[in-house]
């Protein structure tokens, strides 16, 4: 036992040292930028491979009179979120770009630790150690955890390397959900709602799982009125989210930049970005939302459909990296566009029977599985879901797999956890090493694997959860 503990400590020390060196070398070099050299050689701009300067440049613009939704970082990328996040991160603008990247990298590592701690607290509350007891339970649990970690490993490293805020969003979602799920008083539920509202204001897309959670708590209250804390959990969460949106959208930013200025910036954001909530257009504020790195269901179908049409017709060969390569493409026709939109809506509506069935059952793991499904739906229906967004599937892969293990046995649970892991690895391999699978244009069909595969996983799990047995039914584990 002592030897095992010693080896664990050595392994953690090596991991920490490796992460520190990575931040001070690769991450720092990616964030480095010299405007003087950039004027002499355009390749200097292409070496600037971080998104963090989008946020810090916009943050500075909120205070110096520039339009934060029109200025860009050295790569030409624009700020896409409501004002608060850029305002809060604006002090980093006083640092050189490379040290901005390093600072945010180490802050993100701290948030990774926070995600770990919140996951541990949630698993304790869910009493995972009591699930599917048996000789092989520990082995099954380790494999589920391993698969869930693999599913988010590359997206998480992507976030760390490129200065994204996905880790912060995941931490806020886990923290807020844990506060709500474990609340015994309205104060704790309100606190959870405030945290979840902050996640919405920072990145917007958590709006789906957050409001689904409120509806789920309401349905659970209707089905289990005998629970003394059910009403406080439902009402407190709703009040917390509403108060948080008012606080973080209007009041807090107005303290920094003034009421009129904040209102004007919100209107600009709504016009340039908010109108793209259903589908992106050629005039979209996003950076090439039709590129294959966007693995939303609609974009994955766009690339896959264009490639299939090319194979079986006389149309020109599609270029997945050209945003305006739409002339004559079947996948941008009105009929196909409406069909894809209807599919996204249908997948979103599948949360209704899932949420109701889990609310009827009413157990803590039922609630966690329902919330996880909403997190996965968020990734599917969003018009832009780049590869690094998929670290937000952590609650879905972990909690849904645990639920399946408890009710349908270890084989189905391991399959449920393994599929997202395989899809994630395949996506990053296809994107990074397309030459391994033939010419890039031949491999375009593979570039929709993550988005389409995730949607199929979600649909299958939605069916399984919506057909779940009553609480007193025997498990087939």
Protein backbone atom coordinates (compact mmCIF):
# COMPACT_ATOMS: atom_id res chain seq x y z
CA UNK A 1 0.00 0.00 0.00
CA UNK A 2 2.82 2.40 0.91
CA UNK A 3 4.62 1.58 -2.35
CA UNK A 4 1.46 2.28 -4.35
CA UNK A 5 0.97 5.62 -2.59
CA UNK A 6 4.59 6.55 -3.27
CA UNK A 7 4.25 5.71 -6.97
CA UNK A 8 1.07 7.79 -7.16
CA UNK A 9 2.83 10.79 -5.67
CA UNK A 10 5.74 10.41 -8.09
CA UNK A 11 3.32 10.16 -11.01
CA UNK A 12 1.46 13.29 -9.91
CA UNK A 13 4.74 15.16 -9.48
CA UNK A 14 5.85 14.21 -13.00
CA UNK A 15 2.45 15.24 -14.37
CA UNK A 16 2.60 18.62 -12.64
CA UNK A 17 6.14 19.22 -13.88
CA UNK A 18 5.11 18.32 -17.42
CA UNK A 19 2.14 20.69 -17.31
CA UNK A 20 4.31 23.52 -16.02
CA UNK A 21 6.89 22.98 -18.76
CA UNK A 22 4.16 22.78 -21.41
CA UNK A 23 2.72 26.10 -20.28
CA UNK A 24 6.10 27.84 -20.27
CA UNK A 25 7.08 26.50 -23.69
CA UNK A 26 4.38 25.54 -26.19
CA UNK A 27 1.50 27.59 -24.74
CA UNK A 28 3.73 30.65 -24.31
CA UNK A 29 5.08 30.38 -27.86
CA UNK A 30 1.58 30.06 -29.33
CA UNK A 31 0.47 33.23 -27.55
CA UNK A 32 3.57 35.24 -28.48
CA UNK A 33 3.15 38.07 -30.98
CA UNK A 34 5.39 40.90 -32.16
CA UNK A 35 3.48 43.51 -34.24
CA UNK A 36 6.72 44.92 -35.69
CA UNK A 37 7.81 41.54 -37.02
CA UNK A 38 4.26 40.89 -38.22
CA UNK A 39 4.47 43.91 -40.53
CA UNK A 40 7.61 42.45 -42.09
CA UNK A 41 6.47 38.82 -42.35
CA UNK A 42 2.82 37.72 -42.44
CA UNK A 43 3.81 34.26 -41.18
CA UNK A 44 4.36 35.80 -37.74
CA UNK A 45 0.60 36.38 -37.57
CA UNK A 46 -0.13 32.74 -38.42
CA UNK A 47 2.10 31.60 -35.56
CA UNK A 48 -0.15 33.44 -33.10
CA UNK A 49 -2.41 30.51 -32.21
CA UNK A 50 -4.36 31.49 -29.13
CA UNK A 51 -7.92 32.71 -28.64
CA UNK A 52 -7.13 34.46 -25.36
CA UNK A 53 -6.10 37.71 -27.05
CA UNK A 54 -9.60 37.90 -28.51
CA UNK A 55 -10.92 38.28 -24.96
CA UNK A 56 -8.21 40.58 -23.62
CA UNK A 57 -8.29 42.88 -26.66
CA UNK A 58 -12.07 43.15 -26.41
CA UNK A 59 -11.76 43.75 -22.67
CA UNK A 60 -9.42 46.67 -23.29
CA UNK A 61 -11.79 48.03 -25.95
CA UNK A 62 -14.63 48.26 -23.42
CA UNK A 63 -12.55 50.83 -21.52
CA UNK A 64 -10.77 52.78 -24.27
CA UNK A 65 -13.71 53.69 -26.49
CA UNK A 66 -13.25 51.17 -29.30
CA UNK A 67 -16.07 48.87 -30.41
CA UNK A 68 -15.28 45.52 -28.71
CA UNK A 69 -17.43 43.66 -31.23
CA UNK A 70 -15.56 45.05 -34.23
CA UNK A 71 -11.92 44.91 -33.15
CA UNK A 72 -9.98 41.69 -33.65
CA UNK A 73 -6.95 39.94 -32.27
CA UNK A 74 -3.87 39.54 -34.53
CA UNK A 75 -5.49 36.56 -36.30
CA UNK A 76 -8.60 38.55 -37.17
CA UNK A 77 -10.90 36.75 -34.73
CA UNK A 78 -13.70 38.68 -33.00
CA UNK A 79 -15.28 38.61 -29.55
CA UNK A 80 -18.59 36.68 -29.44
CA UNK A 81 -19.91 36.87 -25.87
CA UNK A 82 -21.78 39.37 -23.67
CA UNK A 83 -19.58 42.07 -22.10
CA UNK A 84 -18.90 40.65 -18.63
CA UNK A 85 -16.20 38.06 -19.38
CA UNK A 86 -14.07 40.45 -21.45
CA UNK A 87 -14.46 43.17 -18.82
CA UNK A 88 -13.27 40.86 -16.04
CA UNK A 89 -10.29 39.58 -18.01
CA UNK A 90 -9.27 43.03 -19.29
CA UNK A 91 -6.41 43.47 -16.73
CA UNK A 92 -4.45 40.76 -18.56
CA UNK A 93 -4.17 43.15 -21.51
CA UNK A 94 -1.41 45.00 -19.64
CA UNK A 95 0.81 41.92 -20.03
CA UNK A 96 2.67 40.89 -23.16
CA UNK A 97 0.58 38.45 -25.26
CA UNK A 98 2.76 35.45 -24.36
CA UNK A 99 2.36 36.11 -20.65
CA UNK A 100 -1.35 36.64 -21.06
CA UNK A 101 -1.46 33.11 -22.44
CA UNK A 102 0.69 31.67 -19.66
CA UNK A 103 -1.33 33.40 -16.93
CA UNK A 104 -4.65 32.12 -18.28
CA UNK A 105 -3.14 28.67 -18.75
CA UNK A 106 -2.26 28.36 -15.08
CA UNK A 107 -5.64 29.77 -14.06
CA UNK A 108 -7.21 27.12 -16.27
CA UNK A 109 -5.16 24.40 -14.58
CA UNK A 110 -6.57 25.58 -11.25
CA UNK A 111 -10.06 25.29 -12.75
CA UNK A 112 -9.28 21.75 -13.92
CA UNK A 113 -8.57 20.93 -10.28
CA UNK A 114 -11.85 22.62 -9.38
CA UNK A 115 -13.70 20.41 -11.89
CA UNK A 116 -12.10 17.36 -10.29
CA UNK A 117 -13.14 18.43 -6.79
CA UNK A 118 -16.72 19.17 -7.87
CA UNK A 119 -16.95 15.81 -9.63
CA UNK A 120 -15.79 14.03 -6.48
CA UNK A 121 -18.38 15.89 -4.40
CA UNK A 122 -21.13 15.03 -6.87
CA UNK A 123 -20.15 11.35 -6.93
CA UNK A 124 -20.25 11.25 -3.14
CA UNK A 125 -23.70 12.82 -3.14
CA UNK A 126 -24.84 10.30 -5.76
CA UNK A 127 -23.43 7.46 -3.62
CA UNK A 128 -21.67 5.89 -6.56
CA UNK A 129 -19.89 3.45 -4.25
CA UNK A 130 -23.27 1.81 -3.58
CA UNK A 131 -24.13 1.27 -7.26
CA UNK A 132 -24.23 -2.21 -8.78
CA UNK A 133 -22.37 -3.88 -5.97
CA UNK A 134 -20.47 -7.02 -6.87
CA UNK A 135 -17.07 -8.49 -7.42
CA UNK A 136 -16.50 -6.67 -10.70
CA UNK A 137 -18.03 -3.35 -9.62
CA UNK A 138 -14.69 -1.65 -8.97
CA UNK A 139 -13.35 -2.76 -12.35
CA UNK A 140 -16.45 -1.52 -14.18
CA UNK A 141 -16.30 1.82 -12.37
CA UNK A 142 -12.65 2.31 -13.30
CA UNK A 143 -13.36 1.62 -16.98
CA UNK A 144 -16.33 4.00 -17.04
CA UNK A 145 -14.21 6.72 -15.45
CA UNK A 146 -11.34 6.03 -17.84
CA UNK A 147 -13.61 6.25 -20.90
CA UNK A 148 -15.20 9.48 -19.65
CA UNK A 149 -11.75 10.99 -19.13
CA UNK A 150 -10.64 9.95 -22.62
CA UNK A 151 -13.79 11.55 -24.06
CA UNK A 152 -12.79 14.97 -22.72
CA UNK A 153 -8.99 14.66 -22.66
CA UNK A 154 -8.19 16.07 -26.10
CA UNK A 155 -10.86 18.82 -25.94
CA UNK A 156 -9.48 19.84 -22.54
CA UNK A 157 -5.89 19.94 -23.81
CA UNK A 158 -7.18 21.97 -26.76
CA UNK A 159 -8.73 24.47 -24.34
CA UNK A 160 -5.53 24.70 -22.31
CA UNK A 161 -3.33 25.13 -25.35
CA UNK A 162 -5.41 27.76 -27.13
CA UNK A 163 -6.58 29.89 -24.19
CA UNK A 164 -10.26 28.96 -24.37
CA UNK A 165 -12.79 29.36 -21.56
CA UNK A 166 -14.44 25.94 -21.80
CA UNK A 167 -12.79 24.73 -18.58
CA UNK A 168 -14.22 27.71 -16.72
CA UNK A 169 -17.69 26.96 -18.10
CA UNK A 170 -17.48 23.30 -17.09
CA UNK A 171 -16.37 24.25 -13.59
CA UNK A 172 -19.26 26.69 -13.17
CA UNK A 173 -21.76 24.12 -14.45
CA UNK A 174 -20.49 21.40 -12.12
CA UNK A 175 -20.36 23.77 -9.14
CA UNK A 176 -23.82 25.18 -9.80
CA UNK A 177 -25.36 21.76 -10.38
CA UNK A 178 -23.78 20.36 -7.22
CA UNK A 179 -25.10 23.26 -5.14
CA UNK A 180 -28.59 22.74 -6.55
CA UNK A 181 -28.61 18.95 -6.30
CA UNK A 182 -27.40 18.90 -2.70
CA UNK A 183 -29.36 21.93 -1.49
CA UNK A 184 -31.47 21.56 1.64
CA UNK A 185 -32.31 25.25 1.89
CA UNK A 186 -33.33 28.00 -0.49
CA UNK A 187 -30.07 29.89 0.12
CA UNK A 188 -27.94 27.10 -1.32
CA UNK A 189 -30.30 26.64 -4.27
CA UNK A 190 -30.15 30.38 -5.01
CA UNK A 191 -26.35 30.22 -4.88
CA UNK A 192 -26.40 27.36 -7.37
CA UNK A 193 -28.70 29.34 -9.65
CA UNK A 194 -26.38 32.35 -9.51
CA UNK A 195 -23.39 30.22 -10.52
CA UNK A 196 -25.32 28.65 -13.40
CA UNK A 197 -26.42 32.10 -14.57
CA UNK A 198 -22.77 33.18 -14.65
CA UNK A 199 -22.00 30.24 -16.96
CA UNK A 200 -24.76 31.42 -19.31
CA UNK A 201 -23.49 35.00 -19.35
CA UNK A 202 -19.92 33.88 -20.04
CA UNK A 203 -20.69 31.55 -23.00
CA UNK A 204 -24.48 31.57 -23.64
CA UNK A 205 -24.86 27.93 -24.73
CA UNK A 206 -25.38 26.60 -21.14
CA UNK A 207 -28.82 28.25 -21.33
CA UNK A 208 -30.30 24.92 -22.52
CA UNK A 209 -29.15 22.65 -19.66
CA UNK A 210 -29.73 25.38 -17.05
CA UNK A 211 -33.34 26.05 -17.99
CA UNK A 212 -33.94 22.34 -18.50
CA UNK A 213 -32.72 21.81 -14.94
CA UNK A 214 -35.26 24.34 -13.64
CA UNK A 215 -38.08 22.61 -15.52
CA UNK A 216 -36.86 19.24 -14.27
CA UNK A 217 -36.91 20.45 -10.67
CA UNK A 218 -40.45 21.74 -11.19
CA UNK A 219 -41.59 18.40 -12.60
CA UNK A 220 -39.91 16.56 -9.75
CA UNK A 221 -41.71 18.79 -7.27
CA UNK A 222 -45.05 17.96 -8.91
CA UNK A 223 -44.37 14.22 -8.80
CA UNK A 224 -42.91 14.21 -5.28
CA UNK A 225 -44.74 16.86 -3.24
CA UNK A 226 -43.80 14.99 -0.07
CA UNK A 227 -40.17 16.10 -0.38
CA UNK A 228 -39.74 18.95 2.09
CA UNK A 229 -36.86 20.57 0.21
CA UNK A 230 -38.26 20.06 -3.30
CA UNK A 231 -40.02 23.42 -3.49
CA UNK A 232 -37.04 25.35 -2.10
CA UNK A 233 -34.73 23.62 -4.59
CA UNK A 234 -36.99 24.46 -7.54
CA UNK A 235 -37.90 28.01 -6.54
CA UNK A 236 -34.44 28.87 -5.23
CA UNK A 237 -32.73 27.73 -8.42
CA UNK A 238 -35.16 29.67 -10.59
CA UNK A 239 -34.78 32.82 -8.51
CA UNK A 240 -31.00 32.44 -8.49
CA UNK A 241 -30.78 32.08 -12.27
CA UNK A 242 -33.10 35.04 -12.88
CA UNK A 243 -31.27 37.22 -10.36
CA UNK A 244 -27.92 36.12 -11.79
CA UNK A 245 -28.90 37.07 -15.32
CA UNK A 246 -29.98 40.53 -14.16
CA UNK A 247 -26.84 40.90 -12.07
CA UNK A 248 -24.29 39.63 -14.60
CA UNK A 249 -25.86 40.95 -17.80
CA UNK A 250 -26.78 44.45 -16.62
CA UNK A 251 -25.73 45.48 -13.14
CA UNK A 252 -22.12 44.29 -12.81
CA UNK A 253 -20.95 45.38 -16.29
CA UNK A 254 -22.67 48.74 -15.78
CA UNK A 255 -20.58 49.31 -12.65
CA UNK A 256 -17.44 49.13 -14.82
CA UNK A 257 -18.43 50.83 -18.07
CA UNK A 258 -21.66 52.67 -17.29
CA UNK A 259 -25.31 51.83 -17.86
CA UNK A 260 -25.70 53.41 -21.30
CA UNK A 261 -22.47 51.96 -22.63
CA UNK A 262 -23.35 48.47 -21.42
CA UNK A 263 -26.83 48.68 -22.95
CA UNK A 264 -25.36 49.78 -26.26
CA UNK A 265 -22.87 46.92 -26.29
CA UNK A 266 -25.61 44.41 -25.47
CA UNK A 267 -27.62 45.65 -28.44
CA UNK A 268 -24.57 45.28 -30.66
CA UNK A 269 -23.96 41.76 -29.39
CA UNK A 270 -27.60 40.80 -29.96
CA UNK A 271 -27.49 42.12 -33.53
CA UNK A 272 -24.17 40.55 -34.53
CA UNK A 273 -24.13 37.32 -32.53
CA UNK A 274 -27.48 36.71 -30.86
CA UNK A 275 -29.27 36.53 -34.20
CA UNK A 276 -27.07 33.53 -35.12
CA UNK A 277 -28.59 31.31 -32.41
CA UNK A 278 -30.40 29.04 -34.88
CA UNK A 279 -28.09 29.11 -37.90
CA UNK A 280 -25.03 31.05 -39.02
CA UNK A 281 -25.04 33.14 -42.18
CA UNK A 282 -22.36 34.37 -44.56
CA UNK A 283 -22.32 37.64 -42.62
CA UNK A 284 -21.93 35.81 -39.30
CA UNK A 285 -19.60 37.23 -36.66
CA UNK A 286 -18.03 33.78 -36.18
CA UNK A 287 -14.68 32.72 -37.63
CA UNK A 288 -15.47 30.25 -40.44
CA UNK A 289 -18.37 28.44 -38.73
CA UNK A 290 -18.61 26.05 -41.69
CA UNK A 291 -15.08 24.72 -41.19
CA UNK A 292 -14.82 21.04 -40.21
CA UNK A 293 -13.66 21.96 -36.71
CA UNK A 294 -17.26 22.98 -36.04
CA UNK A 295 -18.90 19.70 -35.04
CA UNK A 296 -22.44 20.86 -34.42
CA UNK A 297 -24.95 18.46 -35.92
CA UNK A 298 -25.98 20.89 -38.66
CA UNK A 299 -22.39 21.50 -39.78
CA UNK A 300 -21.42 17.83 -39.54
CA UNK A 301 -24.37 16.95 -41.77
CA UNK A 302 -23.38 19.78 -44.11
CA UNK A 303 -19.92 18.31 -44.74
CA UNK A 304 -21.05 14.69 -44.87
CA UNK A 305 -23.95 15.45 -47.20
CA UNK A 306 -21.82 17.51 -49.58
CA UNK A 307 -19.27 14.72 -49.81
CA UNK A 308 -21.91 12.06 -50.49
CA UNK A 309 -23.49 14.21 -53.21
CA UNK A 310 -20.06 14.69 -54.80
CA UNK A 311 -19.44 10.96 -54.87
CA UNK A 312 -22.73 10.14 -56.57
CA UNK A 313 -23.29 13.14 -58.87
CA UNK A 314 -21.48 15.51 -61.21
CA UNK A 315 -21.13 18.47 -58.84
CA UNK A 316 -17.74 20.02 -58.13
CA UNK A 317 -15.63 18.66 -55.33
CA UNK A 318 -16.41 20.35 -51.97
CA UNK A 319 -13.70 22.22 -50.09
CA UNK A 320 -14.42 21.83 -46.34
CA UNK A 321 -12.21 24.79 -45.40
CA UNK A 322 -13.86 27.38 -47.67
CA UNK A 323 -16.71 29.16 -45.92
CA UNK A 324 -18.27 30.45 -49.15
CA UNK A 325 -18.14 27.12 -51.01
CA UNK A 326 -21.95 26.91 -51.14
CA UNK A 327 -22.85 27.46 -54.79
CA UNK A 328 -24.97 24.55 -56.00
CA UNK A 329 -24.54 22.60 -52.77
CA UNK A 330 -27.52 20.43 -51.87
CA UNK A 331 -26.94 20.87 -48.13
CA UNK A 332 -27.71 24.61 -48.27
CA UNK A 333 -30.97 24.16 -50.19
CA UNK A 334 -34.10 25.35 -48.33
CA UNK A 335 -35.59 21.85 -48.10
CA UNK A 336 -32.46 20.32 -46.58
CA UNK A 337 -31.92 23.29 -44.26
CA UNK A 338 -35.46 22.95 -42.92
CA UNK A 339 -35.05 19.20 -42.49
CA UNK A 340 -31.83 19.64 -40.51
CA UNK A 341 -33.47 22.31 -38.35
CA UNK A 342 -36.44 20.01 -37.71
CA UNK A 343 -34.02 17.24 -36.71
CA UNK A 344 -32.29 19.54 -34.22
CA UNK A 345 -35.63 20.57 -32.75
CA UNK A 346 -36.75 16.94 -32.49
CA UNK A 347 -33.55 15.94 -30.70
CA UNK A 348 -34.01 18.82 -28.29
CA UNK A 349 -37.62 17.78 -27.63
CA UNK A 350 -36.41 14.31 -26.69
CA UNK A 351 -35.35 15.88 -23.41
CA UNK A 352 -39.03 16.14 -22.43
CA UNK A 353 -39.74 12.40 -21.97
CA UNK A 354 -36.27 11.92 -20.49
CA UNK A 355 -36.77 14.70 -17.96
CA UNK A 356 -40.26 13.56 -17.06
CA UNK A 357 -39.26 9.93 -16.54
CA UNK A 358 -36.27 10.92 -14.43
CA UNK A 359 -38.46 13.33 -12.43
CA UNK A 360 -40.97 10.54 -11.79
CA UNK A 361 -38.19 8.33 -10.49
CA UNK A 362 -36.83 11.21 -8.42
CA UNK A 363 -33.46 9.81 -7.34
CA UNK A 364 -30.25 11.87 -7.25
CA UNK A 365 -28.65 9.81 -10.04
CA UNK A 366 -31.80 10.24 -12.13
CA UNK A 367 -31.42 14.01 -11.86
CA UNK A 368 -27.72 13.84 -12.71
CA UNK A 369 -28.41 11.71 -15.80
CA UNK A 370 -31.12 14.11 -16.97
CA UNK A 371 -28.79 17.10 -16.53
CA UNK A 372 -26.06 15.24 -18.41
CA UNK A 373 -28.40 14.59 -21.32
CA UNK A 374 -29.24 18.30 -21.47
CA UNK A 375 -25.51 19.10 -21.59
CA UNK A 376 -25.11 16.78 -24.56
CA UNK A 377 -28.17 18.27 -26.28
CA UNK A 378 -26.54 21.68 -25.87
CA UNK A 379 -23.58 20.55 -27.98
CA UNK A 380 -25.79 19.00 -30.66
CA UNK A 381 -28.27 21.80 -31.29
CA UNK A 382 -25.84 24.73 -31.04
CA UNK A 383 -25.00 26.11 -34.52
CA UNK A 384 -21.30 26.29 -33.57
CA UNK A 385 -19.74 23.47 -31.53
CA UNK A 386 -16.01 23.31 -32.11
CA UNK A 387 -14.01 20.31 -31.00
CA UNK A 388 -12.88 21.85 -27.72
CA UNK A 389 -16.53 22.43 -26.72
CA UNK A 390 -16.85 18.68 -26.24
CA UNK A 391 -15.17 18.79 -22.86
CA UNK A 392 -18.64 19.95 -21.76
CA UNK A 393 -19.93 16.42 -22.43
CA UNK A 394 -18.30 15.30 -19.17
CA UNK A 395 -21.57 15.28 -17.14
CA UNK A 396 -23.33 13.33 -19.90
CA UNK A 397 -20.72 10.64 -20.42
CA UNK A 398 -20.10 10.13 -16.71
CA UNK A 399 -23.58 10.39 -15.17
CA UNK A 400 -25.53 8.72 -17.98
CA UNK A 401 -23.07 5.80 -18.06
CA UNK A 402 -23.39 5.40 -14.29
CA UNK A 403 -27.17 5.41 -14.61
CA UNK A 404 -27.05 2.77 -17.36
CA UNK A 405 -24.68 0.65 -15.25
CA UNK A 406 -27.07 0.78 -12.32
CA UNK A 407 -30.11 -0.23 -14.38
CA UNK A 408 -28.90 -2.15 -17.44
CA UNK A 409 -25.60 -3.70 -16.48
CA UNK A 410 -21.92 -3.11 -17.06
CA UNK A 411 -21.73 -4.03 -20.76
CA UNK A 412 -24.20 -1.37 -21.87
CA UNK A 413 -22.63 1.15 -19.51
CA UNK A 414 -19.14 0.55 -20.89
CA UNK A 415 -20.49 0.85 -24.42
CA UNK A 416 -22.23 4.10 -23.49
CA UNK A 417 -19.02 5.54 -22.05
CA UNK A 418 -16.75 4.17 -24.77
CA UNK A 419 -18.56 5.58 -27.81
CA UNK A 420 -18.03 9.28 -26.94
CA UNK A 421 -14.40 8.52 -26.11
CA UNK A 422 -13.85 6.88 -29.49
CA UNK A 423 -15.63 9.70 -31.33
CA UNK A 424 -13.52 12.35 -29.62
CA UNK A 425 -10.23 10.63 -30.42
CA UNK A 426 -11.30 9.96 -34.02
CA UNK A 427 -12.22 13.61 -34.57
CA UNK A 428 -8.87 14.95 -33.42
CA UNK A 429 -6.98 12.32 -35.42
CA UNK A 430 -8.96 13.12 -38.59
CA UNK A 431 -8.48 16.87 -38.14
CA UNK A 432 -4.79 16.69 -37.22
CA UNK A 433 -3.62 13.91 -39.57
CA UNK A 434 -5.97 13.89 -42.59
CA UNK A 435 -3.22 12.53 -44.82
CA UNK A 436 -3.40 9.25 -42.90
CA UNK A 437 -6.80 8.61 -44.46
CA UNK A 438 -6.07 9.63 -48.04
CA UNK A 439 -6.34 13.11 -49.53
CA UNK A 440 -8.17 15.64 -47.40
CA UNK A 441 -11.05 15.92 -49.86
CA UNK A 442 -11.56 12.13 -49.78
CA UNK A 443 -11.59 12.18 -45.99
CA UNK A 444 -14.16 14.95 -45.77
CA UNK A 445 -16.87 12.40 -44.99
CA UNK A 446 -14.96 11.50 -41.84
CA UNK A 447 -14.95 15.11 -40.66
CA UNK A 448 -18.59 14.86 -39.52
CA UNK A 449 -17.96 11.82 -37.34
CA UNK A 450 -17.99 13.57 -33.98
CA UNK A 451 -21.12 15.66 -34.57
CA UNK A 452 -23.23 12.92 -36.16
CA UNK A 453 -21.96 10.20 -33.85
CA UNK A 454 -22.72 12.29 -30.78
CA UNK A 455 -26.27 12.92 -32.01
CA UNK A 456 -26.80 9.18 -32.51
CA UNK A 457 -25.41 8.45 -29.03
CA UNK A 458 -27.73 11.05 -27.55
CA UNK A 459 -30.79 9.67 -29.36
CA UNK A 460 -30.01 6.15 -28.21
CA UNK A 461 -29.48 7.17 -24.61
CA UNK A 462 -32.61 9.32 -24.66
CA UNK A 463 -34.60 6.26 -25.66
CA UNK A 464 -33.01 4.13 -22.93
CA UNK A 465 -33.65 6.71 -20.21
CA UNK A 466 -37.20 7.51 -21.31
CA UNK A 467 -38.02 3.79 -21.16
CA UNK A 468 -36.48 3.35 -17.71
CA UNK A 469 -38.18 0.97 -15.27
CA UNK A 470 -39.94 2.18 -12.10
CA UNK A 471 -37.92 2.41 -8.92
CA UNK A 472 -39.15 -0.91 -7.58
CA UNK A 473 -38.32 -2.88 -10.76
CA UNK A 474 -35.37 -5.30 -10.54
CA UNK A 475 -32.18 -4.37 -12.33
CA UNK A 476 -30.72 -6.67 -14.98
CA UNK A 477 -27.19 -5.85 -13.82
